[in-house]
Amino acid sequence: MSTARHIVALLRCHIDGDDDRFLSVATQLAAHEARQGHGKLAQELRELIDAAKGKTAHVGRRGAGPVPLAQPKGELSSLLSARYSDIRLNSMVLGPNLKERLTRVLTEQRQQERLRARGLTPRRKLLLIGPPGSGKTMTASALAGELKLPLFTILYEGLIGKLMGETATRLRLVFDAVAVQRGVYFFDEFDAIGSQRSHANDVGEIRRVLNSFLQFLENDDGPSLIVAATNHPELLDKAVFRRFDDVIIYGLPDPEIARGILESHLTGFDVSDVNWSSILEATAGLSQAEVSRAADEAAKIAVLEDRSEIRTPTLLSTLAERRAATS
């Protein structure tokens, strides 16, 4: 839709008294201006729209509640899944460096107006790298939960098409949504579209999809966070890394983190007799997710046996089960 058509639509909405449609068209106009490279104008429009939404929903309480969740409709419904997240950063057991980096992202997002007033932009395009179960998906949920934003997960089964140009066209729809509906947009298993363009088994269509993604990502100046995660950074094209504001590395938990995860999941149970030395030795090589599952299994056993304490043999057994399941 051209700017002229946006103006006509806005006037019609005003005449009809349709405030919801008016704000929707205004949001589309902001996205259009962003795509045209008019970043300051787009940001000014978004701030006015946010102020109008806040005034309508909560007079005097701008930003107090979550950003309204607009469920994807039409073709977008097969490209995105949407939900609110109740996970917070303190729900995760993090090392000091990782916690500091994620806190910095949240701080910049919460104080982005101060940054933009000085011509600076907050971090909003993140690439998360690490083994399965190390907390990448949970991080996307925690960012959405902390910022009270909807979490939109990209559905590759709907995104990847069989016909030439189909995937790139659908990818454009996703980035149009990124510009229109503020939220956290999560590209899990990002190597599905971010693979190296020079790969021996590469085909022209994959190159076009990656080129489109890089172009969309670079041109995006919207209000949303874009979070991509991969278990296989070696498969990513080198150009991908330069397009993200931050590349955050995840690893397997050290003994201190592993104990924190176990204690967090076993809150309410007596762990005073647990032999932590042997337990932590048994967690070596397991991911955060596997340690969490082992703790939950031990808790269920205690409940079913009508016990309030967690026994070392039980926890060793559940950890061994998780190790066997991943080997």
C-alpha atoms as a PDB file:
ATOM      1  CA  MET A   1       0.000   0.000   0.000  1.00  0.00           C
ATOM      2  CA  SER A   2       1.408   3.417  -0.938  1.00  0.00           C
ATOM      3  CA  THR A   3       1.572   6.346   1.474  1.00  0.00           C
ATOM      4  CA  ALA A   4      -1.328   8.020  -0.355  1.00  0.00           C
ATOM      5  CA  ARG A   5      -3.514   4.948   0.109  1.00  0.00           C
ATOM      6  CA  HIS A   6      -2.548   4.854   3.797  1.00  0.00           C
ATOM      7  CA  ILE A   7      -3.739   8.441   4.198  1.00  0.00           C
ATOM      8  CA  VAL A   8      -7.058   7.649   2.495  1.00  0.00           C
ATOM      9  CA  ALA A   9      -7.521   4.616   4.739  1.00  0.00           C
ATOM     10  CA  LEU A  10      -6.705   6.674   7.843  1.00  0.00           C
ATOM     11  CA  LEU A  11      -9.289   9.300   6.939  1.00  0.00           C
ATOM     12  CA  ARG A  12     -11.945   6.652   6.340  1.00  0.00           C
ATOM     13  CA  CYS A  13     -11.218   5.066   9.701  1.00  0.00           C
ATOM     14  CA  HIS A  14     -11.435   8.459  11.403  1.00  0.00           C
ATOM     15  CA  ILE A  15     -14.767   9.251   9.727  1.00  0.00           C
ATOM     16  CA  ASP A  16     -16.126   5.814  10.687  1.00  0.00           C
ATOM     17  CA  GLY A  17     -14.828   6.152  14.242  1.00  0.00           C
ATOM     18  CA  ASP A  18     -12.967   2.842  13.909  1.00  0.00           C
ATOM     19  CA  ASP A  19     -10.072   3.415  16.332  1.00  0.00           C
ATOM     20  CA  ASP A  20      -8.712  -0.136  16.134  1.00  0.00           C
ATOM     21  CA  ARG A  21      -8.558  -0.052  12.341  1.00  0.00           C
ATOM     22  CA  PHE A  22      -7.069   3.462  12.473  1.00  0.00           C
ATOM     23  CA  LEU A  23      -4.151   2.247  14.655  1.00  0.00           C
ATOM     24  CA  SER A  24      -3.697  -0.820  12.446  1.00  0.00           C
ATOM     25  CA  VAL A  25      -3.365   1.307   9.312  1.00  0.00           C
ATOM     26  CA  ALA A  26      -1.066   3.726  11.129  1.00  0.00           C
ATOM     27  CA  THR A  27       1.153   0.792  12.097  1.00  0.00           C
ATOM     28  CA  GLN A  28       1.244  -0.330   8.481  1.00  0.00           C
ATOM     29  CA  LEU A  29       2.259   3.200   7.486  1.00  0.00           C
ATOM     30  CA  ALA A  30       5.122   3.131  10.011  1.00  0.00           C
ATOM     31  CA  ALA A  31       6.303  -0.178   8.580  1.00  0.00           C
ATOM     32  CA  HIS A  32       6.088   1.235   5.050  1.00  0.00           C
ATOM     33  CA  GLU A  33       8.197   4.253   5.992  1.00  0.00           C
ATOM     34  CA  ALA A  34      10.765   1.988   7.664  1.00  0.00           C
ATOM     35  CA  ARG A  35      11.080  -0.065   4.479  1.00  0.00           C
ATOM     36  CA  GLN A  36      11.595   3.164   2.522  1.00  0.00           C
ATOM     37  CA  GLY A  37      14.571   3.989   4.743  1.00  0.00           C
ATOM     38  CA  HIS A  38      12.781   6.758   6.682  1.00  0.00           C
ATOM     39  CA  GLY A  39      13.852   5.431  10.081  1.00  0.00           C
ATOM     40  CA  LYS A  40      13.295   8.570  12.190  1.00  0.00           C
ATOM     41  CA  LEU A  41       9.821   9.138  10.761  1.00  0.00           C
ATOM     42  CA  ALA A  42       8.933   5.462  11.281  1.00  0.00           C
ATOM     43  CA  GLN A  43      10.109   5.597  14.904  1.00  0.00           C
ATOM     44  CA  GLU A  44       8.143   8.803  15.556  1.00  0.00           C
ATOM     45  CA  LEU A  45       5.016   7.180  14.132  1.00  0.00           C
ATOM     46  CA  ARG A  46       5.508   4.081  16.305  1.00  0.00           C
ATOM     47  CA  GLU A  47       5.916   6.180  19.447  1.00  0.00           C
ATOM     48  CA  LEU A  48       2.690   8.056  18.655  1.00  0.00           C
ATOM     49  CA  ILE A  49       0.908   4.761  18.009  1.00  0.00           C
ATOM     50  CA  ASP A  50       2.187   3.285  21.286  1.00  0.00           C
ATOM     51  CA  ALA A  51       1.038   6.403  23.125  1.00  0.00           C
ATOM     52  CA  ALA A  52      -2.401   6.163  21.516  1.00  0.00           C
ATOM     53  CA  LYS A  53      -2.713   2.477  22.410  1.00  0.00           C
ATOM     54  CA  GLY A  54      -1.623   3.167  25.980  1.00  0.00           C
ATOM     55  CA  LYS A  55      -4.112   6.014  26.305  1.00  0.00           C
ATOM     56  CA  THR A  56      -6.930   3.847  24.996  1.00  0.00           C
ATOM     57  CA  ALA A  57      -6.189   0.806  27.146  1.00  0.00           C
ATOM     58  CA  HIS A  58      -4.781   2.287  30.348  1.00  0.00           C
ATOM     59  CA  VAL A  59      -5.097   6.030  30.871  1.00  0.00           C
ATOM     60  CA  GLY A  60      -2.025   7.180  32.772  1.00  0.00           C
ATOM     61  CA  ARG A  61      -0.447   3.689  32.679  1.00  0.00           C
ATOM     62  CA  ARG A  62       1.444   3.635  29.395  1.00  0.00           C
ATOM     63  CA  GLY A  63       3.425   0.449  29.016  1.00  0.00           C
ATOM     64  CA  ALA A  64       2.036  -1.088  32.231  1.00  0.00           C
ATOM     65  CA  GLY A  65       0.532  -4.126  30.535  1.00  0.00           C
ATOM     66  CA  PRO A  66       1.747  -6.482  27.838  1.00  0.00           C
ATOM     67  CA  VAL A  67       1.785  -5.429  24.207  1.00  0.00           C
ATOM     68  CA  PRO A  68      -1.531  -6.590  22.693  1.00  0.00           C
ATOM     69  CA  LEU A  69      -1.199  -9.945  20.969  1.00  0.00           C
ATOM     70  CA  ALA A  70      -2.534  -9.988  17.421  1.00  0.00           C
ATOM     71  CA  GLN A  71      -2.863 -13.616  16.351  1.00  0.00           C
ATOM     72  CA  PRO A  72      -1.405 -14.178  12.853  1.00  0.00           C
ATOM     73  CA  LYS A  73      -4.138 -14.370  10.238  1.00  0.00           C
ATOM     74  CA  GLY A  74      -4.358 -15.547   6.650  1.00  0.00           C
ATOM     75  CA  GLU A  75      -1.103 -16.895   5.248  1.00  0.00           C
ATOM     76  CA  LEU A  76       0.789 -15.670   8.308  1.00  0.00           C
ATOM     77  CA  SER A  77      -1.062 -18.209  10.459  1.00  0.00           C
ATOM     78  CA  SER A  78       0.979 -20.970   8.789  1.00  0.00           C
ATOM     79  CA  LEU A  79       4.233 -19.031   9.195  1.00  0.00           C
ATOM     80  CA  LEU A  80       4.084 -17.899  12.822  1.00  0.00           C
ATOM     81  CA  SER A  81       2.855 -19.278  16.123  1.00  0.00           C
ATOM     82  CA  ALA A  82       2.066 -16.656  18.748  1.00  0.00           C
ATOM     83  CA  ARG A  83       1.819 -16.759  22.529  1.00  0.00           C
ATOM     84  CA  TYR A  84       2.646 -14.855  25.685  1.00  0.00           C
ATOM     85  CA  SER A  85       5.470 -16.124  27.872  1.00  0.00           C
ATOM     86  CA  ASP A  86       5.423 -16.288  31.664  1.00  0.00           C
ATOM     87  CA  ILE A  87       9.145 -17.114  31.829  1.00  0.00           C
ATOM     88  CA  ARG A  88      11.456 -14.508  33.351  1.00  0.00           C
ATOM     89  CA  LEU A  89      15.230 -14.188  33.379  1.00  0.00           C
ATOM     90  CA  ASN A  90      15.365 -15.191  37.036  1.00  0.00           C
ATOM     91  CA  SER A  91      13.716 -18.473  36.011  1.00  0.00           C
ATOM     92  CA  MET A  92      17.010 -19.387  34.349  1.00  0.00           C
ATOM     93  CA  VAL A  93      20.220 -20.411  36.093  1.00  0.00           C
ATOM     94  CA  LEU A  94      22.874 -18.462  34.212  1.00  0.00           C
ATOM     95  CA  GLY A  95      26.581 -17.874  34.454  1.00  0.00           C
ATOM     96  CA  PRO A  96      27.697 -14.289  35.247  1.00  0.00           C
ATOM     97  CA  ASN A  97      28.783 -13.444  31.691  1.00  0.00           C
ATOM     98  CA  LEU A  98      25.625 -14.772  30.021  1.00  0.00           C
ATOM     99  CA  LYS A  99      23.378 -13.108  32.576  1.00  0.00           C
ATOM    100  CA  GLU A 100      25.183  -9.793  32.082  1.00  0.00           C
ATOM    101  CA  ARG A 101      24.784  -9.918  28.305  1.00  0.00           C
ATOM    102  CA  LEU A 102      21.078 -10.747  28.433  1.00  0.00           C
ATOM    103  CA  THR A 103      20.483  -8.099  31.094  1.00  0.00           C
ATOM    104  CA  ARG A 104      22.191  -5.567  28.824  1.00  0.00           C
ATOM    105  CA  VAL A 105      19.755  -6.433  26.013  1.00  0.00           C
ATOM    106  CA  LEU A 106      16.800  -5.909  28.360  1.00  0.00           C
ATOM    107  CA  THR A 107      18.200  -2.636  29.697  1.00  0.00           C
ATOM    108  CA  GLU A 108      18.722  -1.247  26.201  1.00  0.00           C
ATOM    109  CA  GLN A 109      15.201  -2.274  25.190  1.00  0.00           C
ATOM    110  CA  ARG A 110      13.636  -0.701  28.269  1.00  0.00           C
ATOM    111  CA  GLN A 111      15.565   2.532  27.813  1.00  0.00           C
ATOM    112  CA  GLN A 112      15.581   2.649  24.038  1.00  0.00           C
ATOM    113  CA  GLU A 113      14.071   6.127  23.892  1.00  0.00           C
ATOM    114  CA  ARG A 114      17.116   7.522  25.725  1.00  0.00           C
ATOM    115  CA  LEU A 115      19.409   5.777  23.256  1.00  0.00           C
ATOM    116  CA  ARG A 116      17.466   6.867  20.185  1.00  0.00           C
ATOM    117  CA  ALA A 117      17.438  10.478  21.427  1.00  0.00           C
ATOM    118  CA  ARG A 118      21.235  10.397  21.046  1.00  0.00           C
ATOM    119  CA  GLY A 119      21.172   8.690  17.667  1.00  0.00           C
ATOM    120  CA  LEU A 120      21.910   5.222  19.104  1.00  0.00           C
ATOM    121  CA  THR A 121      19.947   2.023  18.552  1.00  0.00           C
ATOM    122  CA  PRO A 122      19.312  -0.709  21.126  1.00  0.00           C
ATOM    123  CA  ARG A 123      20.353  -4.308  20.588  1.00  0.00           C
ATOM    124  CA  ARG A 124      17.449  -6.093  18.943  1.00  0.00           C
ATOM    125  CA  LYS A 125      18.927  -8.700  16.573  1.00  0.00           C
ATOM    126  CA  LEU A 126      20.455 -11.616  18.484  1.00  0.00           C
ATOM    127  CA  LEU A 127      22.111 -14.830  17.328  1.00  0.00           C
ATOM    128  CA  LEU A 128      22.239 -17.556  19.989  1.00  0.00           C
ATOM    129  CA  ILE A 129      24.734 -20.384  19.497  1.00  0.00           C
ATOM    130  CA  GLY A 130      25.059 -23.520  21.604  1.00  0.00           C
ATOM    131  CA  PRO A 131      24.333 -27.226  21.975  1.00  0.00           C
ATOM    132  CA  PRO A 132      20.768 -28.566  22.235  1.00  0.00           C
ATOM    133  CA  GLY A 133      19.141 -27.986  25.603  1.00  0.00           C
ATOM    134  CA  SER A 134      21.518 -25.206  26.652  1.00  0.00           C
ATOM    135  CA  GLY A 135      18.804 -22.571  27.110  1.00  0.00           C
ATOM    136  CA  LYS A 136      18.516 -20.805  23.752  1.00  0.00           C
ATOM    137  CA  THR A 137      14.763 -21.324  23.344  1.00  0.00           C
ATOM    138  CA  MET A 138      14.175 -20.468  26.978  1.00  0.00           C
ATOM    139  CA  THR A 139      16.110 -17.240  26.460  1.00  0.00           C
ATOM    140  CA  ALA A 140      13.748 -16.133  23.693  1.00  0.00           C
ATOM    141  CA  SER A 141      10.808 -16.871  25.997  1.00  0.00           C
ATOM    142  CA  ALA A 142      12.448 -15.007  28.885  1.00  0.00           C
ATOM    143  CA  LEU A 143      13.116 -11.920  26.758  1.00  0.00           C
ATOM    144  CA  ALA A 144       9.479 -11.890  25.655  1.00  0.00           C
ATOM    145  CA  GLY A 145       8.297 -12.403  29.218  1.00  0.00           C
ATOM    146  CA  GLU A 146      10.509  -9.687  30.675  1.00  0.00           C
ATOM    147  CA  LEU A 147       9.517  -7.120  28.042  1.00  0.00           C
ATOM    148  CA  LYS A 148       5.829  -8.144  28.080  1.00  0.00           C
ATOM    149  CA  LEU A 149       5.964  -8.789  24.346  1.00  0.00           C
ATOM    150  CA  PRO A 150       4.289 -11.564  22.350  1.00  0.00           C
ATOM    151  CA  LEU A 151       6.593 -14.412  21.342  1.00  0.00           C
ATOM    152  CA  PHE A 152       6.284 -15.313  17.653  1.00  0.00           C
ATOM    153  CA  THR A 153       8.005 -18.547  16.609  1.00  0.00           C
ATOM    154  CA  ILE A 154       8.693 -19.018  12.905  1.00  0.00           C
ATOM    155  CA  LEU A 155       7.188 -22.255  11.533  1.00  0.00           C
ATOM    156  CA  TYR A 156       9.562 -23.656   8.945  1.00  0.00           C
ATOM    157  CA  GLU A 157       7.078 -26.238   7.677  1.00  0.00           C
ATOM    158  CA  GLY A 158       4.971 -23.336   6.446  1.00  0.00           C
ATOM    159  CA  LEU A 159       7.872 -21.095   5.471  1.00  0.00           C
ATOM    160  CA  ILE A 160       9.871 -23.453   3.261  1.00  0.00           C
ATOM    161  CA  GLY A 161       8.150 -23.820  -0.110  1.00  0.00           C
ATOM    162  CA  LYS A 162       8.772 -26.150  -3.046  1.00  0.00           C
ATOM    163  CA  LEU A 163       8.430 -23.594  -5.809  1.00  0.00           C
ATOM    164  CA  MET A 164      11.111 -21.134  -6.860  1.00  0.00           C
ATOM    165  CA  GLY A 165      10.779 -17.843  -4.994  1.00  0.00           C
ATOM    166  CA  GLU A 166       8.028 -19.150  -2.713  1.00  0.00           C
ATOM    167  CA  THR A 167      10.123 -19.189   0.473  1.00  0.00           C
ATOM    168  CA  ALA A 168      11.523 -15.684  -0.110  1.00  0.00           C
ATOM    169  CA  THR A 169       7.994 -14.357  -0.647  1.00  0.00           C
ATOM    170  CA  ARG A 170       6.815 -15.905   2.614  1.00  0.00           C
ATOM    171  CA  LEU A 171       9.908 -14.604   4.377  1.00  0.00           C
ATOM    172  CA  ARG A 172       8.927 -11.097   3.292  1.00  0.00           C
ATOM    173  CA  LEU A 173       5.533 -11.621   4.932  1.00  0.00           C
ATOM    174  CA  VAL A 174       7.279 -12.543   8.178  1.00  0.00           C
ATOM    175  CA  PHE A 175       9.447  -9.415   8.112  1.00  0.00           C
ATOM    176  CA  ASP A 176       6.406  -7.287   7.284  1.00  0.00           C
ATOM    177  CA  ALA A 177       4.895  -8.689  10.476  1.00  0.00           C
ATOM    178  CA  VAL A 178       8.123  -7.911  12.350  1.00  0.00           C
ATOM    179  CA  ALA A 179       7.726  -4.263  11.340  1.00  0.00           C
ATOM    180  CA  VAL A 180       3.985  -4.080  12.089  1.00  0.00           C
ATOM    181  CA  GLN A 181       3.449  -6.146  15.258  1.00  0.00           C
ATOM    182  CA  ARG A 182       6.001  -5.544  18.001  1.00  0.00           C
ATOM    183  CA  GLY A 183       7.191  -8.773  19.582  1.00  0.00           C
ATOM    184  CA  VAL A 184      10.045 -11.244  19.921  1.00  0.00           C
ATOM    185  CA  TYR A 185      10.397 -13.192  16.649  1.00  0.00           C
ATOM    186  CA  PHE A 186      12.219 -16.485  17.164  1.00  0.00           C
ATOM    187  CA  PHE A 187      13.991 -18.332  14.344  1.00  0.00           C
ATOM    188  CA  ASP A 188      14.874 -21.667  15.986  1.00  0.00           C
ATOM    189  CA  GLU A 189      17.212 -24.065  14.123  1.00  0.00           C
ATOM    190  CA  PHE A 190      18.254 -21.053  12.096  1.00  0.00           C
ATOM    191  CA  ASP A 191      20.730 -23.049  10.004  1.00  0.00           C
ATOM    192  CA  ALA A 192      17.672 -24.235   8.034  1.00  0.00           C
ATOM    193  CA  ILE A 193      17.800 -20.932   6.151  1.00  0.00           C
ATOM    194  CA  GLY A 194      21.183 -19.504   7.143  1.00  0.00           C
ATOM    195  CA  SER A 195      23.440 -22.191   5.667  1.00  0.00           C
ATOM    196  CA  GLN A 196      26.571 -21.318   3.719  1.00  0.00           C
ATOM    197  CA  ARG A 197      25.938 -20.182   0.166  1.00  0.00           C
ATOM    198  CA  SER A 198      29.105 -21.919  -1.030  1.00  0.00           C
ATOM    199  CA  HIS A 199      28.158 -25.330   0.381  1.00  0.00           C
ATOM    200  CA  ALA A 200      28.880 -28.225  -1.971  1.00  0.00           C
ATOM    201  CA  ASN A 201      25.250 -29.388  -1.881  1.00  0.00           C
ATOM    202  CA  ASP A 202      23.853 -25.884  -2.239  1.00  0.00           C
ATOM    203  CA  VAL A 203      21.214 -25.061  -4.815  1.00  0.00           C
ATOM    204  CA  GLY A 204      20.264 -21.710  -6.290  1.00  0.00           C
ATOM    205  CA  GLU A 205      17.008 -21.472  -4.359  1.00  0.00           C
ATOM    206  CA  ILE A 206      18.805 -21.769  -0.989  1.00  0.00           C
ATOM    207  CA  ARG A 207      21.141 -18.956  -1.999  1.00  0.00           C
ATOM    208  CA  ARG A 208      18.186 -16.774  -2.907  1.00  0.00           C
ATOM    209  CA  VAL A 209      16.465 -17.485   0.416  1.00  0.00           C
ATOM    210  CA  LEU A 210      19.581 -16.610   2.405  1.00  0.00           C
ATOM    211  CA  ASN A 211      20.200 -13.476   0.355  1.00  0.00           C
ATOM    212  CA  SER A 212      16.599 -12.418   0.952  1.00  0.00           C
ATOM    213  CA  PHE A 213      16.896 -13.042   4.685  1.00  0.00           C
ATOM    214  CA  LEU A 214      20.119 -11.023   4.935  1.00  0.00           C
ATOM    215  CA  GLN A 215      18.539  -8.161   3.017  1.00  0.00           C
ATOM    216  CA  PHE A 216      15.367  -8.171   5.108  1.00  0.00           C
ATOM    217  CA  LEU A 217      17.380  -8.354   8.350  1.00  0.00           C
ATOM    218  CA  GLU A 218      19.702  -5.527   7.348  1.00  0.00           C
ATOM    219  CA  ASN A 219      16.854  -3.257   6.230  1.00  0.00           C
ATOM    220  CA  ASP A 220      14.693  -3.937   9.261  1.00  0.00           C
ATOM    221  CA  ASP A 221      14.501  -0.940  11.568  1.00  0.00           C
ATOM    222  CA  GLY A 222      11.329  -1.896  13.394  1.00  0.00           C
ATOM    223  CA  PRO A 223      10.484  -2.116  17.098  1.00  0.00           C
ATOM    224  CA  SER A 224      10.684  -5.916  17.400  1.00  0.00           C
ATOM    225  CA  LEU A 225      13.421  -8.226  18.658  1.00  0.00           C
ATOM    226  CA  ILE A 226      14.684 -10.853  16.225  1.00  0.00           C
ATOM    227  CA  VAL A 227      16.257 -13.880  17.892  1.00  0.00           C
ATOM    228  CA  ALA A 228      17.858 -16.676  15.879  1.00  0.00           C
ATOM    229  CA  ALA A 229      19.260 -19.856  17.428  1.00  0.00           C
ATOM    230  CA  THR A 230      21.413 -22.643  16.067  1.00  0.00           C
ATOM    231  CA  ASN A 231      23.176 -25.778  17.274  1.00  0.00           C
ATOM    232  CA  HIS A 232      25.450 -25.738  14.222  1.00  0.00           C
ATOM    233  CA  PRO A 233      27.278 -22.417  13.783  1.00  0.00           C
ATOM    234  CA  GLU A 234      29.733 -24.100  11.419  1.00  0.00           C
ATOM    235  CA  LEU A 235      26.915 -24.394   8.869  1.00  0.00           C
ATOM    236  CA  LEU A 236      26.071 -20.680   8.881  1.00  0.00           C
ATOM    237  CA  ASP A 237      27.188 -18.363   6.130  1.00  0.00           C
ATOM    238  CA  LYS A 238      29.826 -15.919   7.383  1.00  0.00           C
ATOM    239  CA  ALA A 239      27.725 -12.962   6.246  1.00  0.00           C
ATOM    240  CA  VAL A 240      25.045 -13.957   8.774  1.00  0.00           C
ATOM    241  CA  PHE A 241      27.186 -13.097  11.798  1.00  0.00           C
ATOM    242  CA  ARG A 242      27.730  -9.493  10.671  1.00  0.00           C
ATOM    243  CA  ARG A 243      23.995  -8.798  10.421  1.00  0.00           C
ATOM    244  CA  PHE A 244      23.259  -9.460  14.096  1.00  0.00           C
ATOM    245  CA  ASP A 245      23.802  -6.918  16.872  1.00  0.00           C
ATOM    246  CA  ASP A 246      25.025  -9.578  19.263  1.00  0.00           C
ATOM    247  CA  VAL A 247      26.223 -13.180  19.001  1.00  0.00           C
ATOM    248  CA  ILE A 248      25.774 -14.979  22.325  1.00  0.00           C
ATOM    249  CA  ILE A 249      27.448 -18.323  23.011  1.00  0.00           C
ATOM    250  CA  TYR A 250      25.854 -20.988  25.219  1.00  0.00           C
ATOM    251  CA  GLY A 251      27.654 -23.988  26.668  1.00  0.00           C
ATOM    252  CA  LEU A 252      26.995 -26.997  28.860  1.00  0.00           C
ATOM    253  CA  PRO A 253      26.560 -26.197  32.560  1.00  0.00           C
ATOM    254  CA  ASP A 254      29.537 -26.205  34.879  1.00  0.00           C
ATOM    255  CA  PRO A 255      29.095 -27.811  38.343  1.00  0.00           C
ATOM    256  CA  GLU A 256      27.921 -24.565  39.934  1.00  0.00           C
ATOM    257  CA  ILE A 257      25.263 -24.000  37.271  1.00  0.00           C
ATOM    258  CA  ALA A 258      24.211 -27.664  37.404  1.00  0.00           C
ATOM    259  CA  ARG A 259      23.707 -27.472  41.153  1.00  0.00           C
ATOM    260  CA  GLY A 260      21.721 -24.272  40.767  1.00  0.00           C
ATOM    261  CA  ILE A 261      19.443 -25.960  38.216  1.00  0.00           C
ATOM    262  CA  LEU A 262      18.905 -28.985  40.462  1.00  0.00           C
ATOM    263  CA  GLU A 263      18.177 -26.901  43.543  1.00  0.00           C
ATOM    264  CA  SER A 264      15.821 -24.662  41.576  1.00  0.00           C
ATOM    265  CA  HIS A 265      13.788 -27.644  40.330  1.00  0.00           C
ATOM    266  CA  LEU A 266      13.823 -29.335  43.738  1.00  0.00           C
ATOM    267  CA  THR A 267      12.581 -26.369  45.736  1.00  0.00           C
ATOM    268  CA  GLY A 268      10.207 -27.636  48.406  1.00  0.00           C
ATOM    269  CA  PHE A 269      12.095 -30.915  48.857  1.00  0.00           C
ATOM    270  CA  ASP A 270      14.691 -31.705  51.493  1.00  0.00           C
ATOM    271  CA  VAL A 271      18.096 -31.990  49.775  1.00  0.00           C
ATOM    272  CA  SER A 272      20.214 -31.736  52.930  1.00  0.00           C
ATOM    273  CA  ASP A 273      21.416 -35.349  52.665  1.00  0.00           C
ATOM    274  CA  VAL A 274      22.258 -35.224  48.956  1.00  0.00           C
ATOM    275  CA  ASN A 275      25.874 -36.130  48.161  1.00  0.00           C
ATOM    276  CA  TRP A 276      26.519 -33.176  45.897  1.00  0.00           C
ATOM    277  CA  SER A 277      30.011 -34.301  44.950  1.00  0.00           C
ATOM    278  CA  SER A 278      28.769 -37.498  43.313  1.00  0.00           C
ATOM    279  CA  ILE A 279      25.672 -35.810  41.884  1.00  0.00           C
ATOM    280  CA  LEU A 280      27.621 -33.021  40.192  1.00  0.00           C
ATOM    281  CA  GLU A 281      30.108 -35.517  38.807  1.00  0.00           C
ATOM    282  CA  ALA A 282      27.158 -37.329  37.241  1.00  0.00           C
ATOM    283  CA  THR A 283      25.918 -34.121  35.567  1.00  0.00           C
ATOM    284  CA  ALA A 284      29.133 -33.675  33.550  1.00  0.00           C
ATOM    285  CA  GLY A 285      28.368 -33.544  29.832  1.00  0.00           C
ATOM    286  CA  LEU A 286      24.606 -33.158  30.286  1.00  0.00           C
ATOM    287  CA  SER A 287      22.787 -30.079  29.020  1.00  0.00           C
ATOM    288  CA  GLN A 288      20.756 -27.721  31.170  1.00  0.00           C
ATOM    289  CA  ALA A 289      17.566 -29.295  29.833  1.00  0.00           C
ATOM    290  CA  GLU A 290      18.698 -32.831  30.689  1.00  0.00           C
ATOM    291  CA  VAL A 291      19.711 -31.818  34.224  1.00  0.00           C
ATOM    292  CA  SER A 292      16.326 -30.150  34.674  1.00  0.00           C
ATOM    293  CA  ARG A 293      14.481 -33.256  33.485  1.00  0.00           C
ATOM    294  CA  ALA A 294      16.490 -35.479  35.819  1.00  0.00           C
ATOM    295  CA  ALA A 295      15.574 -33.240  38.756  1.00  0.00           C
ATOM    296  CA  ASP A 296      11.881 -33.321  37.798  1.00  0.00           C
ATOM    297  CA  GLU A 297      11.967 -37.128  37.536  1.00  0.00           C
ATOM    298  CA  ALA A 298      13.574 -37.398  40.977  1.00  0.00           C
ATOM    299  CA  ALA A 299      10.915 -35.072  42.388  1.00  0.00           C
ATOM    300  CA  LYS A 300       8.104 -37.212  40.923  1.00  0.00           C
ATOM    301  CA  ILE A 301       9.600 -40.359  42.420  1.00  0.00           C
ATOM    302  CA  ALA A 302       9.765 -38.695  45.846  1.00  0.00           C
ATOM    303  CA  VAL A 303       6.137 -37.567  45.615  1.00  0.00           C
ATOM    304  CA  LEU A 304       4.887 -41.000  44.545  1.00  0.00           C
ATOM    305  CA  GLU A 305       6.845 -42.638  47.369  1.00  0.00           C
ATOM    306  CA  ASP A 306       5.357 -40.114  49.802  1.00  0.00           C
ATOM    307  CA  ARG A 307       8.750 -38.684  50.720  1.00  0.00           C
ATOM    308  CA  SER A 308       9.765 -35.057  51.214  1.00  0.00           C
ATOM    309  CA  GLU A 309      13.479 -35.692  50.822  1.00  0.00           C
ATOM    310  CA  ILE A 310      15.486 -36.305  47.674  1.00  0.00           C
ATOM    311  CA  ARG A 311      17.833 -39.289  47.928  1.00  0.00           C
ATOM    312  CA  THR A 312      21.210 -39.429  46.247  1.00  0.00           C
ATOM    313  CA  PRO A 313      20.643 -42.851  44.586  1.00  0.00           C
ATOM    314  CA  THR A 314      17.366 -41.624  43.097  1.00  0.00           C
ATOM    315  CA  LEU A 315      18.954 -38.523  41.588  1.00  0.00           C
ATOM    316  CA  LEU A 316      21.930 -40.514  40.311  1.00  0.00           C
ATOM    317  CA  SER A 317      19.511 -42.906  38.654  1.00  0.00           C
ATOM    318  CA  THR A 318      17.503 -40.197  36.910  1.00  0.00           C
ATOM    319  CA  LEU A 319      20.712 -38.506  35.728  1.00  0.00           C
ATOM    320  CA  ALA A 320      21.922 -41.834  34.340  1.00  0.00           C
ATOM    321  CA  GLU A 321      18.607 -42.249  32.512  1.00  0.00           C
ATOM    322  CA  ARG A 322      19.003 -38.846  30.870  1.00  0.00           C
ATOM    323  CA  ARG A 323      22.579 -39.665  29.852  1.00  0.00           C
ATOM    324  CA  ALA A 324      21.465 -42.952  28.298  1.00  0.00           C
ATOM    325  CA  ALA A 325      18.685 -41.158  26.413  1.00  0.00           C
ATOM    326  CA  THR A 326      21.141 -38.722  24.825  1.00  0.00           C
ATOM    327  CA  SER A 327      23.899 -41.201  23.954  1.00  0.00           C
END
